[in-house]
């Protein structure tokens, strides 16, 4: 009877060890999944900024051509847009900080 009790105790001990290992493995798997998902978000954000950069370069090129054409009204509009943008950024900066 004592021998059966000892084996049952050993089985329970090993079952507890196995349960701890499975829990640790589950935690590692979840961490890997979260890290992979975060990497996908980083890649997506990188693509978005790359597209934005290309669009911004195209807009700057068009604005430069417009200013070089010598059209006074267009140059005044460009100066107004730049001034308004700077004012908005200035107020947003002071509002946030």
C-alpha atoms as a PDB file:
ATOM      1  CA  UNK A   1       0.000   0.000   0.000  1.00  0.00           C
ATOM      2  CA  UNK A   2       2.830   2.359   0.866  1.00  0.00           C
ATOM      3  CA  UNK A   3       4.531   1.612  -2.458  1.00  0.00           C
ATOM      4  CA  UNK A   4       1.415   2.585  -4.425  1.00  0.00           C
ATOM      5  CA  UNK A   5       1.120   5.793  -2.434  1.00  0.00           C
ATOM      6  CA  UNK A   6       4.761   6.664  -3.170  1.00  0.00           C
ATOM      7  CA  UNK A   7       4.256   6.072  -6.919  1.00  0.00           C
ATOM      8  CA  UNK A   8       1.125   8.219  -6.883  1.00  0.00           C
ATOM      9  CA  UNK A   9       3.063  10.992  -5.162  1.00  0.00           C
ATOM     10  CA  UNK A  10       5.862  10.731  -7.767  1.00  0.00           C
ATOM     11  CA  UNK A  11       3.316  10.812 -10.580  1.00  0.00           C
ATOM     12  CA  UNK A  12       1.690  13.919  -9.122  1.00  0.00           C
ATOM     13  CA  UNK A  13       5.094  15.570  -8.733  1.00  0.00           C
ATOM     14  CA  UNK A  14       6.023  14.819 -12.355  1.00  0.00           C
ATOM     15  CA  UNK A  15       2.605  15.962 -13.527  1.00  0.00           C
ATOM     16  CA  UNK A  16       3.139  19.283 -11.731  1.00  0.00           C
ATOM     17  CA  UNK A  17       6.585  19.638 -13.358  1.00  0.00           C
ATOM     18  CA  UNK A  18       5.105  18.897 -16.779  1.00  0.00           C
ATOM     19  CA  UNK A  19       2.316  21.398 -16.192  1.00  0.00           C
ATOM     20  CA  UNK A  20       4.871  24.082 -15.308  1.00  0.00           C
ATOM     21  CA  UNK A  21       6.850  23.337 -18.480  1.00  0.00           C
ATOM     22  CA  UNK A  22       3.713  23.504 -20.630  1.00  0.00           C
ATOM     23  CA  UNK A  23       2.770  26.839 -19.053  1.00  0.00           C
ATOM     24  CA  UNK A  24       6.273  28.199 -19.716  1.00  0.00           C
ATOM     25  CA  UNK A  25       6.098  26.984 -23.328  1.00  0.00           C
ATOM     26  CA  UNK A  26       2.681  28.597 -23.754  1.00  0.00           C
ATOM     27  CA  UNK A  27       4.084  31.881 -22.430  1.00  0.00           C
ATOM     28  CA  UNK A  28       7.027  31.759 -24.850  1.00  0.00           C
ATOM     29  CA  UNK A  29       4.694  30.975 -27.750  1.00  0.00           C
ATOM     30  CA  UNK A  30       2.446  33.917 -26.894  1.00  0.00           C
ATOM     31  CA  UNK A  31       5.479  36.220 -26.604  1.00  0.00           C
ATOM     32  CA  UNK A  32       6.725  35.094 -30.030  1.00  0.00           C
ATOM     33  CA  UNK A  33       3.285  35.685 -31.545  1.00  0.00           C
ATOM     34  CA  UNK A  34       3.047  39.170 -29.998  1.00  0.00           C
ATOM     35  CA  UNK A  35       6.536  40.042 -31.220  1.00  0.00           C
ATOM     36  CA  UNK A  36       5.733  38.861 -34.756  1.00  0.00           C
ATOM     37  CA  UNK A  37       2.507  40.858 -34.769  1.00  0.00           C
ATOM     38  CA  UNK A  38       4.366  43.971 -33.555  1.00  0.00           C
ATOM     39  CA  UNK A  39       6.929  43.475 -36.333  1.00  0.00           C
ATOM     40  CA  UNK A  40       4.089  43.471 -38.872  1.00  0.00           C
ATOM     41  CA  UNK A  41       2.842  46.772 -37.476  1.00  0.00           C
ATOM     42  CA  UNK A  42       6.354  48.232 -37.717  1.00  0.00           C
ATOM     43  CA  UNK A  43       6.654  47.091 -41.341  1.00  0.00           C
ATOM     44  CA  UNK A  44       3.262  48.582 -42.171  1.00  0.00           C
ATOM     45  CA  UNK A  45       4.189  51.869 -40.539  1.00  0.00           C
ATOM     46  CA  UNK A  46       7.476  51.925 -42.429  1.00  0.00           C
ATOM     47  CA  UNK A  47       5.627  51.455 -45.731  1.00  0.00           C
ATOM     48  CA  UNK A  48       3.206  54.241 -44.836  1.00  0.00           C
ATOM     49  CA  UNK A  49       6.026  56.677 -44.089  1.00  0.00           C
ATOM     50  CA  UNK A  50       7.806  55.661 -47.287  1.00  0.00           C
ATOM     51  CA  UNK A  51       4.668  56.393 -49.305  1.00  0.00           C
ATOM     52  CA  UNK A  52       4.211  59.688 -47.471  1.00  0.00           C
ATOM     53  CA  UNK A  53       7.827  60.634 -48.200  1.00  0.00           C
ATOM     54  CA  UNK A  54       7.382  59.946 -51.912  1.00  0.00           C
ATOM     55  CA  UNK A  55       4.162  61.979 -51.980  1.00  0.00           C
ATOM     56  CA  UNK A  56       5.806  64.851 -50.114  1.00  0.00           C
ATOM     57  CA  UNK A  57       8.747  64.906 -52.542  1.00  0.00           C
ATOM     58  CA  UNK A  58       6.329  65.043 -55.481  1.00  0.00           C
ATOM     59  CA  UNK A  59       4.407  67.914 -53.899  1.00  0.00           C
ATOM     60  CA  UNK A  60       7.624  69.805 -53.194  1.00  0.00           C
ATOM     61  CA  UNK A  61       8.703  69.355 -56.796  1.00  0.00           C
ATOM     62  CA  UNK A  62       5.392  70.704 -58.093  1.00  0.00           C
ATOM     63  CA  UNK A  63       5.562  73.664 -55.681  1.00  0.00           C
ATOM     64  CA  UNK A  64       9.109  74.442 -56.825  1.00  0.00           C
ATOM     65  CA  UNK A  65       8.044  74.401 -60.474  1.00  0.00           C
ATOM     66  CA  UNK A  66       5.085  76.638 -59.661  1.00  0.00           C
ATOM     67  CA  UNK A  67       7.309  79.131 -57.821  1.00  0.00           C
ATOM     68  CA  UNK A  68       9.891  79.055 -60.602  1.00  0.00           C
ATOM     69  CA  UNK A  69       7.259  79.878 -63.203  1.00  0.00           C
ATOM     70  CA  UNK A  70       7.112  83.407 -61.798  1.00  0.00           C
ATOM     71  CA  UNK A  71       3.339  83.533 -61.271  1.00  0.00           C
ATOM     72  CA  UNK A  72       2.961  86.183 -58.519  1.00  0.00           C
ATOM     73  CA  UNK A  73      -0.435  84.941 -57.315  1.00  0.00           C
ATOM     74  CA  UNK A  74       0.844  81.369 -57.050  1.00  0.00           C
ATOM     75  CA  UNK A  75       3.898  82.509 -55.103  1.00  0.00           C
ATOM     76  CA  UNK A  76       1.704  84.498 -52.692  1.00  0.00           C
ATOM     77  CA  UNK A  77      -0.554  81.473 -52.213  1.00  0.00           C
ATOM     78  CA  UNK A  78       2.479  79.320 -51.500  1.00  0.00           C
ATOM     79  CA  UNK A  79       3.790  81.839 -48.952  1.00  0.00           C
ATOM     80  CA  UNK A  80       0.357  81.950 -47.301  1.00  0.00           C
ATOM     81  CA  UNK A  81       0.141  78.162 -47.092  1.00  0.00           C
ATOM     82  CA  UNK A  82       3.617  77.913 -45.579  1.00  0.00           C
ATOM     83  CA  UNK A  83       2.889  80.703 -43.078  1.00  0.00           C
ATOM     84  CA  UNK A  84      -0.447  79.175 -42.044  1.00  0.00           C
ATOM     85  CA  UNK A  85       1.153  75.757 -41.624  1.00  0.00           C
ATOM     86  CA  UNK A  86       3.917  77.183 -39.452  1.00  0.00           C
ATOM     87  CA  UNK A  87       1.382  79.046 -37.271  1.00  0.00           C
ATOM     88  CA  UNK A  88      -0.748  75.931 -36.814  1.00  0.00           C
ATOM     89  CA  UNK A  89       2.295  73.864 -35.874  1.00  0.00           C
ATOM     90  CA  UNK A  90       3.441  76.586 -33.471  1.00  0.00           C
ATOM     91  CA  UNK A  91       0.085  76.693 -31.689  1.00  0.00           C
ATOM     92  CA  UNK A  92      -0.196  72.901 -31.578  1.00  0.00           C
ATOM     93  CA  UNK A  93       3.283  72.667 -30.073  1.00  0.00           C
ATOM     94  CA  UNK A  94       2.472  75.189 -27.363  1.00  0.00           C
ATOM     95  CA  UNK A  95      -0.891  73.572 -26.719  1.00  0.00           C
ATOM     96  CA  UNK A  96       0.693  70.151 -26.262  1.00  0.00           C
ATOM     97  CA  UNK A  97       3.652  71.297 -24.159  1.00  0.00           C
END
